[in-house]
C-alpha atoms as a PDB file:
ATOM      1  CA  MET A   1     -13.187  62.714 -11.328  1.00  0.00           C
ATOM      2  CA  SER A   2     -11.906  65.214 -14.081  1.00  0.00           C
ATOM      3  CA  GLU A   3     -13.655  68.591 -15.188  1.00  0.00           C
ATOM      4  CA  LEU A   4     -14.978  66.569 -18.331  1.00  0.00           C
ATOM      5  CA  GLU A   5     -16.415  63.489 -16.383  1.00  0.00           C
ATOM      6  CA  LEU A   6     -18.111  65.719 -14.017  1.00  0.00           C
ATOM      7  CA  PHE A   7     -19.641  67.958 -16.949  1.00  0.00           C
ATOM      8  CA  LEU A   8     -23.436  67.312 -17.734  1.00  0.00           C
ATOM      9  CA  LYS A   9     -25.315  68.437 -20.289  1.00  0.00           C
ATOM     10  CA  ARG A  10     -27.467  71.466 -19.699  1.00  0.00           C
ATOM     11  CA  LYS A  11     -29.013  72.580 -22.702  1.00  0.00           C
ATOM     12  CA  GLU A  12     -30.113  71.330 -26.175  1.00  0.00           C
ATOM     13  CA  PHE A  13     -26.730  73.042 -28.347  1.00  0.00           C
ATOM     14  CA  LEU A  14     -23.014  72.817 -27.359  1.00  0.00           C
ATOM     15  CA  VAL A  15     -20.513  75.450 -28.765  1.00  0.00           C
ATOM     16  CA  CYS A  16     -16.734  74.771 -28.424  1.00  0.00           C
ATOM     17  CA  ILE A  17     -14.711  77.857 -28.952  1.00  0.00           C
ATOM     18  CA  ASP A  18     -10.673  77.581 -29.424  1.00  0.00           C
ATOM     19  CA  SER A  19      -8.937  80.522 -27.687  1.00  0.00           C
ATOM     20  CA  ASP A  20      -5.514  81.782 -29.028  1.00  0.00           C
ATOM     21  CA  GLY A  21      -6.087  83.351 -32.720  1.00  0.00           C
ATOM     22  CA  CYS A  22      -9.951  82.807 -32.163  1.00  0.00           C
ATOM     23  CA  ALA A  23     -11.275  84.136 -29.083  1.00  0.00           C
ATOM     24  CA  MET A  24      -8.164  85.841 -27.815  1.00  0.00           C
ATOM     25  CA  ASP A  25      -5.870  88.349 -29.751  1.00  0.00           C
ATOM     26  CA  THR A  26      -2.772  86.552 -28.483  1.00  0.00           C
ATOM     27  CA  MET A  27      -1.687  84.242 -31.216  1.00  0.00           C
ATOM     28  CA  ASP A  28       0.863  86.369 -32.977  1.00  0.00           C
ATOM     29  CA  CYS A  29       2.650  87.931 -30.010  1.00  0.00           C
ATOM     30  CA  LYS A  30       3.122  84.438 -28.262  1.00  0.00           C
ATOM     31  CA  HIS A  31       4.646  83.112 -31.432  1.00  0.00           C
ATOM     32  CA  PHE A  32       6.703  86.147 -31.858  1.00  0.00           C
ATOM     33  CA  ARG A  33       7.725  86.608 -28.421  1.00  0.00           C
ATOM     34  CA  CYS A  34       7.773  83.283 -26.762  1.00  0.00           C
ATOM     35  CA  PHE A  35       7.370  80.007 -28.685  1.00  0.00           C
ATOM     36  CA  GLY A  36      10.186  80.822 -32.016  1.00  0.00           C
ATOM     37  CA  PRO A  37      12.511  82.721 -29.731  1.00  0.00           C
ATOM     38  CA  CYS A  38      12.474  79.860 -26.616  1.00  0.00           C
ATOM     39  CA  ALA A  39      12.938  77.310 -29.574  1.00  0.00           C
ATOM     40  CA  VAL A  40      15.823  79.001 -30.647  1.00  0.00           C
ATOM     41  CA  GLU A  41      17.530  79.462 -27.344  1.00  0.00           C
ATOM     42  CA  GLU A  42      16.829  75.960 -26.258  1.00  0.00           C
ATOM     43  CA  TRP A  43      18.621  74.145 -29.185  1.00  0.00           C
ATOM     44  CA  LYS A  44      21.051  77.188 -29.901  1.00  0.00           C
ATOM     45  CA  LEU A  45      20.096  77.792 -32.830  1.00  0.00           C
ATOM     46  CA  GLU A  46      21.170  81.490 -32.891  1.00  0.00           C
ATOM     47  CA  PRO A  47      23.575  81.275 -36.472  1.00  0.00           C
ATOM     48  CA  TRP A  48      19.919  80.532 -38.062  1.00  0.00           C
ATOM     49  CA  LYS A  49      17.679  82.735 -36.004  1.00  0.00           C
ATOM     50  CA  LYS A  50      16.087  84.814 -38.946  1.00  0.00           C
ATOM     51  CA  GLU A  51      15.494  81.561 -40.680  1.00  0.00           C
ATOM     52  CA  VAL A  52      14.220  79.554 -38.171  1.00  0.00           C
ATOM     53  CA  LEU A  53      11.944  82.121 -36.702  1.00  0.00           C
ATOM     54  CA  ASP A  54      10.470  82.785 -40.004  1.00  0.00           C
ATOM     55  CA  TYR A  55       9.880  79.151 -40.654  1.00  0.00           C
ATOM     56  CA  TRP A  56       8.160  78.763 -37.050  1.00  0.00           C
ATOM     57  CA  ASN A  57       5.892  81.890 -38.115  1.00  0.00           C
ATOM     58  CA  GLN A  58       5.013  79.784 -41.385  1.00  0.00           C
ATOM     59  CA  VAL A  59       4.010  76.821 -39.565  1.00  0.00           C
ATOM     60  CA  ASN A  60       2.085  78.022 -36.929  1.00  0.00           C
ATOM     61  CA  LEU A  61       0.361  81.361 -38.252  1.00  0.00           C
ATOM     62  CA  TYR A  62       0.250  81.754 -42.139  1.00  0.00           C
ATOM     63  CA  THR A  63      -0.310  78.323 -43.857  1.00  0.00           C
ATOM     64  CA  MET A  64      -2.667  75.164 -43.374  1.00  0.00           C
ATOM     65  CA  THR A  65      -0.728  73.838 -40.522  1.00  0.00           C
ATOM     66  CA  ARG A  66      -1.918  77.105 -38.093  1.00  0.00           C
ATOM     67  CA  GLY A  67      -3.070  76.129 -34.684  1.00  0.00           C
ATOM     68  CA  ALA A  68      -1.295  73.185 -34.426  1.00  0.00           C
ATOM     69  CA  ASN A  69      -0.509  71.628 -31.124  1.00  0.00           C
ATOM     70  CA  ARG A  70       3.038  73.382 -29.930  1.00  0.00           C
ATOM     71  CA  PHE A  71       4.696  69.627 -29.603  1.00  0.00           C
ATOM     72  CA  LEU A  72       3.727  68.718 -33.342  1.00  0.00           C
ATOM     73  CA  ALA A  73       4.776  72.049 -34.554  1.00  0.00           C
ATOM     74  CA  LEU A  74       8.076  72.151 -32.617  1.00  0.00           C
ATOM     75  CA  SER A  75       8.540  68.765 -34.178  1.00  0.00           C
ATOM     76  CA  MET A  76       7.983  69.802 -37.668  1.00  0.00           C
ATOM     77  CA  VAL A  77      10.285  73.010 -37.039  1.00  0.00           C
ATOM     78  CA  LEU A  78      13.002  70.816 -36.018  1.00  0.00           C
ATOM     79  CA  GLU A  79      12.569  68.644 -38.758  1.00  0.00           C
ATOM     80  CA  TRP A  80      13.109  71.426 -41.060  1.00  0.00           C
ATOM     81  CA  VAL A  81      16.345  72.760 -39.112  1.00  0.00           C
ATOM     82  CA  HIS A  82      17.779  69.189 -39.037  1.00  0.00           C
ATOM     83  CA  ASP A  83      17.374  69.132 -42.649  1.00  0.00           C
ATOM     84  CA  ASN A  84      18.558  72.646 -43.289  1.00  0.00           C
ATOM     85  CA  CYS A  85      20.500  74.216 -40.567  1.00  0.00           C
ATOM     86  CA  GLY A  86      22.350  71.655 -38.448  1.00  0.00           C
ATOM     87  CA  GLU A  87      21.596  68.256 -36.486  1.00  0.00           C
ATOM     88  CA  ILE A  88      19.104  67.844 -34.203  1.00  0.00           C
ATOM     89  CA  GLU A  89      19.748  64.865 -32.105  1.00  0.00           C
ATOM     90  CA  GLY A  90      16.672  62.276 -31.579  1.00  0.00           C
ATOM     91  CA  VAL A  91      14.313  64.690 -34.144  1.00  0.00           C
ATOM     92  CA  LYS A  92      12.564  61.455 -35.755  1.00  0.00           C
ATOM     93  CA  VAL A  93      11.788  59.814 -32.794  1.00  0.00           C
ATOM     94  CA  PHE A  94      10.546  62.960 -31.276  1.00  0.00           C
ATOM     95  CA  SER A  95       8.552  63.514 -34.602  1.00  0.00           C
ATOM     96  CA  GLU A  96       6.930  60.166 -34.483  1.00  0.00           C
ATOM     97  CA  TRP A  97       5.705  60.528 -31.059  1.00  0.00           C
ATOM     98  CA  ALA A  98       4.588  63.925 -31.688  1.00  0.00           C
ATOM     99  CA  ARG A  99       2.189  62.515 -34.956  1.00  0.00           C
ATOM    100  CA  GLU A 100       1.255  59.456 -33.101  1.00  0.00           C
ATOM    101  CA  ALA A 101       0.534  60.513 -29.257  1.00  0.00           C
ATOM    102  CA  ARG A 102      -3.086  60.785 -28.187  1.00  0.00           C
ATOM    103  CA  GLU A 103      -2.124  63.414 -25.804  1.00  0.00           C
ATOM    104  CA  LEU A 104       0.476  66.260 -26.353  1.00  0.00           C
ATOM    105  CA  SER A 105       1.299  68.137 -22.982  1.00  0.00           C
ATOM    106  CA  ASN A 106       3.795  68.660 -20.600  1.00  0.00           C
ATOM    107  CA  THR A 107       3.104  65.647 -18.753  1.00  0.00           C
ATOM    108  CA  SER A 108       3.188  63.384 -21.752  1.00  0.00           C
ATOM    109  CA  VAL A 109       5.970  64.590 -22.754  1.00  0.00           C
ATOM    110  CA  LYS A 110       7.918  64.266 -19.397  1.00  0.00           C
ATOM    111  CA  SER A 111       6.349  60.810 -19.047  1.00  0.00           C
ATOM    112  CA  GLN A 112       7.778  59.987 -22.625  1.00  0.00           C
ATOM    113  CA  TYR A 113      11.620  61.447 -21.667  1.00  0.00           C
ATOM    114  CA  GLU A 114      11.300  58.939 -18.465  1.00  0.00           C
ATOM    115  CA  LYS A 115      10.230  55.896 -20.592  1.00  0.00           C
ATOM    116  CA  THR A 116      12.935  56.194 -23.115  1.00  0.00           C
ATOM    117  CA  GLY A 117      15.785  58.535 -21.569  1.00  0.00           C
ATOM    118  CA  GLU A 118      15.622  60.526 -24.931  1.00  0.00           C
ATOM    119  CA  LYS A 119      17.399  63.627 -24.345  1.00  0.00           C
ATOM    120  CA  ILE A 120      15.131  65.392 -26.930  1.00  0.00           C
ATOM    121  CA  PHE A 121      11.886  64.817 -24.950  1.00  0.00           C
ATOM    122  CA  TYR A 122      13.642  66.703 -21.652  1.00  0.00           C
ATOM    123  CA  LYS A 123      14.423  69.543 -24.092  1.00  0.00           C
ATOM    124  CA  ALA A 124      10.993  69.975 -25.366  1.00  0.00           C
ATOM    125  CA  LEU A 125       9.942  69.920 -21.884  1.00  0.00           C
ATOM    126  CA  CYS A 126      12.220  72.592 -20.748  1.00  0.00           C
ATOM    127  CA  TRP A 127      11.168  74.751 -23.788  1.00  0.00           C
ATOM    128  CA  SER A 128       7.791  73.981 -22.957  1.00  0.00           C
ATOM    129  CA  GLN A 129       8.082  75.463 -19.465  1.00  0.00           C
ATOM    130  CA  ALA A 130      10.288  78.573 -20.977  1.00  0.00           C
ATOM    131  CA  VAL A 131       7.431  79.210 -23.307  1.00  0.00           C
ATOM    132  CA  ASN A 132       4.778  79.119 -20.267  1.00  0.00           C
ATOM    133  CA  LEU A 133       6.918  81.700 -18.392  1.00  0.00           C
ATOM    134  CA  SER A 134       7.402  83.818 -21.198  1.00  0.00           C
ATOM    135  CA  ILE A 135       3.947  84.031 -21.838  1.00  0.00           C
ATOM    136  CA  LEU A 136       2.858  84.617 -18.342  1.00  0.00           C
ATOM    137  CA  ASP A 137       5.337  87.694 -18.755  1.00  0.00           C
ATOM    138  CA  LEU A 138       3.973  89.000 -21.684  1.00  0.00           C
ATOM    139  CA  PRO A 139       2.323  92.946 -21.034  1.00  0.00           C
ATOM    140  CA  GLU A 140      -1.064  92.372 -20.227  1.00  0.00           C
ATOM    141  CA  GLU A 141      -2.317  94.955 -22.963  1.00  0.00           C
ATOM    142  CA  LEU A 142      -1.120  92.243 -25.605  1.00  0.00           C
ATOM    143  CA  LYS A 143      -3.327  89.553 -23.969  1.00  0.00           C
ATOM    144  CA  LYS A 144      -6.642  90.733 -24.870  1.00  0.00           C
ATOM    145  CA  PRO A 145     -10.037  89.197 -26.759  1.00  0.00           C
ATOM    146  CA  PHE A 146     -11.019  90.375 -30.006  1.00  0.00           C
ATOM    147  CA  ASP A 147     -13.593  92.995 -30.685  1.00  0.00           C
ATOM    148  CA  GLY A 148     -16.958  91.088 -30.150  1.00  0.00           C
ATOM    149  CA  VAL A 149     -15.813  88.382 -28.743  1.00  0.00           C
ATOM    150  CA  LYS A 150     -17.177  89.356 -24.992  1.00  0.00           C
ATOM    151  CA  GLU A 151     -20.494  90.034 -26.012  1.00  0.00           C
ATOM    152  CA  GLY A 152     -20.545  87.356 -28.449  1.00  0.00           C
ATOM    153  CA  VAL A 153     -19.924  84.625 -25.677  1.00  0.00           C
ATOM    154  CA  GLU A 154     -22.630  85.696 -23.524  1.00  0.00           C
ATOM    155  CA  MET A 155     -24.769  85.743 -26.367  1.00  0.00           C
ATOM    156  CA  LEU A 156     -24.126  81.868 -27.077  1.00  0.00           C
ATOM    157  CA  HIS A 157     -24.254  80.938 -23.381  1.00  0.00           C
ATOM    158  CA  GLY A 158     -28.051  82.271 -23.409  1.00  0.00           C
ATOM    159  CA  GLN A 159     -28.818  79.537 -25.618  1.00  0.00           C
ATOM    160  CA  ALA A 160     -25.855  76.980 -25.597  1.00  0.00           C
ATOM    161  CA  ASP A 161     -23.767  75.133 -23.378  1.00  0.00           C
ATOM    162  CA  VAL A 162     -20.300  76.771 -23.664  1.00  0.00           C
ATOM    163  CA  ALA A 163     -16.827  74.826 -23.949  1.00  0.00           C
ATOM    164  CA  ILE A 164     -13.542  76.433 -24.308  1.00  0.00           C
ATOM    165  CA  VAL A 165     -11.478  73.626 -26.575  1.00  0.00           C
ATOM    166  CA  SER A 166      -7.771  74.632 -26.832  1.00  0.00           C
ATOM    167  CA  SER A 167      -4.647  73.283 -27.563  1.00  0.00           C
ATOM    168  CA  ALA A 168      -2.863  75.747 -25.372  1.00  0.00           C
ATOM    169  CA  ASN A 169      -1.505  75.763 -21.428  1.00  0.00           C
ATOM    170  CA  ARG A 170      -4.461  75.521 -19.136  1.00  0.00           C
ATOM    171  CA  GLU A 171      -2.942  77.982 -16.965  1.00  0.00           C
ATOM    172  CA  ALA A 172      -2.650  80.644 -19.728  1.00  0.00           C
ATOM    173  CA  VAL A 173      -6.044  80.041 -21.132  1.00  0.00           C
ATOM    174  CA  VAL A 174      -8.038  80.323 -17.788  1.00  0.00           C
ATOM    175  CA  GLU A 175      -6.168  83.440 -16.651  1.00  0.00           C
ATOM    176  CA  GLU A 176      -6.713  85.551 -19.995  1.00  0.00           C
ATOM    177  CA  TRP A 177     -10.673  84.189 -19.957  1.00  0.00           C
ATOM    178  CA  GLU A 178     -10.702  85.119 -16.602  1.00  0.00           C
ATOM    179  CA  ARG A 179      -9.310  88.588 -16.749  1.00  0.00           C
ATOM    180  CA  PHE A 180     -12.068  89.769 -19.394  1.00  0.00           C
ATOM    181  CA  SER A 181     -14.696  88.063 -16.909  1.00  0.00           C
ATOM    182  CA  LEU A 182     -15.384  85.565 -19.994  1.00  0.00           C
ATOM    183  CA  MET A 183     -15.253  82.520 -17.671  1.00  0.00           C
ATOM    184  CA  ASP A 184     -18.505  84.035 -16.334  1.00  0.00           C
ATOM    185  CA  TRP A 185     -20.175  82.254 -19.681  1.00  0.00           C
ATOM    186  CA  VAL A 186     -18.326  78.930 -20.105  1.00  0.00           C
ATOM    187  CA  ASP A 187     -19.693  75.598 -18.705  1.00  0.00           C
ATOM    188  CA  LEU A 188     -16.256  73.424 -19.456  1.00  0.00           C
ATOM    189  CA  CYS A 189     -12.489  74.453 -20.218  1.00  0.00           C
ATOM    190  CA  LEU A 190     -10.489  72.070 -21.957  1.00  0.00           C
ATOM    191  CA  THR A 191      -6.951  72.380 -22.984  1.00  0.00           C
ATOM    192  CA  GLN A 192      -3.935  70.094 -24.081  1.00  0.00           C
ATOM    193  CA  THR A 193      -3.837  68.497 -20.839  1.00  0.00           C
ATOM    194  CA  GLU A 194      -7.248  66.664 -21.327  1.00  0.00           C
ATOM    195  CA  GLY A 195      -6.349  65.553 -24.991  1.00  0.00           C
ATOM    196  CA  SER A 196      -6.699  66.617 -28.756  1.00  0.00           C
ATOM    197  CA  LYS A 197      -9.627  68.835 -29.649  1.00  0.00           C
ATOM    198  CA  ALA A 198     -11.064  65.899 -31.810  1.00  0.00           C
ATOM    199  CA  TRP A 199     -10.960  63.749 -28.522  1.00  0.00           C
ATOM    200  CA  CYS A 200     -12.482  66.413 -26.299  1.00  0.00           C
ATOM    201  CA  ILE A 201     -15.468  67.202 -28.547  1.00  0.00           C
ATOM    202  CA  GLY A 202     -16.222  63.428 -28.927  1.00  0.00           C
ATOM    203  CA  LYS A 203     -16.304  63.170 -25.305  1.00  0.00           C
ATOM    204  CA  MET A 204     -18.786  65.709 -24.966  1.00  0.00           C
ATOM    205  CA  VAL A 205     -20.756  64.622 -27.810  1.00  0.00           C
ATOM    206  CA  LYS A 206     -21.471  61.294 -26.282  1.00  0.00           C
ATOM    207  CA  LYS A 207     -22.828  63.544 -23.171  1.00  0.00           C
ATOM    208  CA  GLY A 208     -26.000  63.685 -25.094  1.00  0.00           C
ATOM    209  CA  TYR A 209     -25.607  66.292 -27.858  1.00  0.00           C
ATOM    210  CA  THR A 210     -27.093  65.746 -31.465  1.00  0.00           C
ATOM    211  CA  PRO A 211     -24.068  66.447 -33.351  1.00  0.00           C
ATOM    212  CA  SER A 212     -25.925  69.031 -35.398  1.00  0.00           C
ATOM    213  CA  HIS A 213     -26.423  70.695 -32.709  1.00  0.00           C
ATOM    214  CA  VAL A 214     -22.566  71.123 -31.741  1.00  0.00           C
ATOM    215  CA  LEU A 215     -20.784  73.910 -33.089  1.00  0.00           C
ATOM    216  CA  MET A 216     -16.792  74.350 -33.161  1.00  0.00           C
ATOM    217  CA  ILE A 217     -15.482  77.839 -33.790  1.00  0.00           C
ATOM    218  CA  GLY A 218     -11.852  77.919 -34.483  1.00  0.00           C
ATOM    219  CA  ASP A 219      -9.434  79.652 -36.728  1.00  0.00           C
ATOM    220  CA  ALA A 220      -6.926  76.836 -37.784  1.00  0.00           C
ATOM    221  CA  PRO A 221      -7.330  73.716 -40.202  1.00  0.00           C
ATOM    222  CA  GLY A 222      -6.965  71.577 -37.022  1.00  0.00           C
ATOM    223  CA  ASP A 223     -10.131  73.040 -35.604  1.00  0.00           C
ATOM    224  CA  GLU A 224     -12.371  72.180 -39.028  1.00  0.00           C
ATOM    225  CA  ARG A 225     -10.435  68.679 -38.920  1.00  0.00           C
ATOM    226  CA  ALA A 226     -11.584  68.087 -35.324  1.00  0.00           C
ATOM    227  CA  ALA A 227     -15.064  68.665 -35.639  1.00  0.00           C
ATOM    228  CA  ALA A 228     -15.351  66.791 -39.104  1.00  0.00           C
ATOM    229  CA  GLN A 229     -14.146  63.963 -37.248  1.00  0.00           C
ATOM    230  CA  ASN A 230     -16.988  63.838 -35.204  1.00  0.00           C
ATOM    231  CA  GLY A 231     -19.528  64.864 -37.197  1.00  0.00           C
ATOM    232  CA  VAL A 232     -20.137  68.329 -36.110  1.00  0.00           C
ATOM    233  CA  LEU A 233     -20.310  71.925 -37.097  1.00  0.00           C
ATOM    234  CA  PHE A 234     -17.385  74.249 -38.060  1.00  0.00           C
ATOM    235  CA  TYR A 235     -17.790  77.876 -37.825  1.00  0.00           C
ATOM    236  CA  PRO A 236     -14.501  79.988 -39.024  1.00  0.00           C
ATOM    237  CA  ILE A 237     -12.982  82.909 -37.804  1.00  0.00           C
ATOM    238  CA  LEU A 238     -10.891  84.330 -40.497  1.00  0.00           C
ATOM    239  CA  VAL A 239      -7.643  85.560 -39.869  1.00  0.00           C
ATOM    240  CA  LYS A 240      -7.229  89.110 -40.108  1.00  0.00           C
ATOM    241  CA  GLN A 241     -10.863  89.446 -40.051  1.00  0.00           C
ATOM    242  CA  GLU A 242     -11.517  88.365 -36.854  1.00  0.00           C
ATOM    243  CA  ALA A 243     -13.681  91.045 -35.148  1.00  0.00           C
ATOM    244  CA  LYS A 244     -16.101  90.846 -38.591  1.00  0.00           C
ATOM    245  CA  SER A 245     -16.239  86.834 -38.232  1.00  0.00           C
ATOM    246  CA  TRP A 246     -17.866  87.509 -34.742  1.00  0.00           C
ATOM    247  CA  ARG A 247     -20.263  89.982 -35.906  1.00  0.00           C
ATOM    248  CA  ARG A 248     -21.332  87.778 -38.624  1.00  0.00           C
ATOM    249  CA  LEU A 249     -21.485  84.601 -35.885  1.00  0.00           C
ATOM    250  CA  VAL A 250     -23.891  86.837 -33.802  1.00  0.00           C
ATOM    251  CA  GLN A 251     -25.666  88.553 -36.345  1.00  0.00           C
ATOM    252  CA  GLU A 252     -26.392  85.582 -38.913  1.00  0.00           C
ATOM    253  CA  ALA A 253     -24.566  82.504 -38.296  1.00  0.00           C
ATOM    254  CA  PHE A 254     -25.284  81.334 -34.747  1.00  0.00           C
ATOM    255  CA  PRO A 255     -29.142  82.229 -35.354  1.00  0.00           C
ATOM    256  CA  ARG A 256     -29.062  79.521 -38.444  1.00  0.00           C
ATOM    257  CA  PHE A 257     -27.169  77.405 -36.609  1.00  0.00           C
ATOM    258  CA  LEU A 258     -30.105  77.495 -33.696  1.00  0.00           C
ATOM    259  CA  GLU A 259     -33.265  77.192 -36.477  1.00  0.00           C
ATOM    260  CA  GLY A 260     -31.384  74.298 -38.125  1.00  0.00           C
ATOM    261  CA  SER A 261     -30.415  76.045 -41.586  1.00  0.00           C
ATOM    262  CA  TYR A 262     -26.589  75.856 -40.752  1.00  0.00           C
ATOM    263  CA  GLU A 263     -25.532  72.856 -42.055  1.00  0.00           C
ATOM    264  CA  GLY A 264     -25.273  71.928 -45.602  1.00  0.00           C
ATOM    265  CA  ALA A 265     -25.093  74.810 -48.745  1.00  0.00           C
ATOM    266  CA  TYR A 266     -24.111  77.495 -45.813  1.00  0.00           C
ATOM    267  CA  GLU A 267     -21.357  76.160 -43.727  1.00  0.00           C
ATOM    268  CA  ALA A 268     -19.742  74.913 -47.115  1.00  0.00           C
ATOM    269  CA  LYS A 269     -19.650  78.930 -48.582  1.00  0.00           C
ATOM    270  CA  LEU A 270     -18.004  79.433 -44.689  1.00  0.00           C
ATOM    271  CA  LYS A 271     -15.299  76.849 -45.228  1.00  0.00           C
ATOM    272  CA  GLN A 272     -14.319  77.867 -48.501  1.00  0.00           C
ATOM    273  CA  GLU A 273     -13.712  81.373 -47.539  1.00  0.00           C
ATOM    274  CA  PHE A 274     -11.905  79.974 -44.591  1.00  0.00           C
ATOM    275  CA  LEU A 275      -9.495  77.919 -46.639  1.00  0.00           C
ATOM    276  CA  GLU A 276      -9.268  80.486 -49.241  1.00  0.00           C
ATOM    277  CA  ASN A 277      -8.515  83.154 -46.675  1.00  0.00           C
ATOM    278  CA  LEU A 278      -5.912  81.077 -44.777  1.00  0.00           C
ATOM    279  CA  SER A 279      -3.979  79.965 -48.463  1.00  0.00           C
END
């Protein structure tokens, strides 16, 4: 049985936390040094390197698609390359798969290649594996939690079950959280292997939590959508204001969540700040 199937509700409340860009200050360096450059190398895009990397960062860091699953983001960038730089063989079939598949992971992209024989799925797998290796090779000083995360997660775990819900590679997530002893206050770790964030949250809600007692903490619009699809609450970590966001969570938002005054006007105000900050 999977970790999710074995998981049992222990407390009245559940807090789900995204990893990259939310708890871990790793999002920028992974995209600057790993995701984008590996795509340039795999698809031989060196003649358009600057343009491709700029567009990669716009998609993944600075717009409403921030935090998208790696394969979905890859499909968006490859479509742009196909339209603006040079032909990308198989991009349409890959994009259709990335938009519709329930699971977007190395395992699922490998399975799709074996099923269809489309070369782009093999290249996407090679790219993803290269990304994972390059992430593991990043200097340790670049992979650290935001200020206030360690104290915050420990505090959350005192009152709620805590689950990591990330679209990142599981090996990297676990390594980063364990290195800073954050896993000591985590009950469940769900990543791209298990399924989408919305799917994972839905499965956890069915463990017996009242939706208003479930809080998703994230830094990207996809995190907010995953929460909304399951009728649970959302707390935003604001880009470039991460430490401040974690302080507010501990001092103000989480107490409101526990007492029942989070939902409604207060959550709406935070969501508006989130959208204005990102756009």
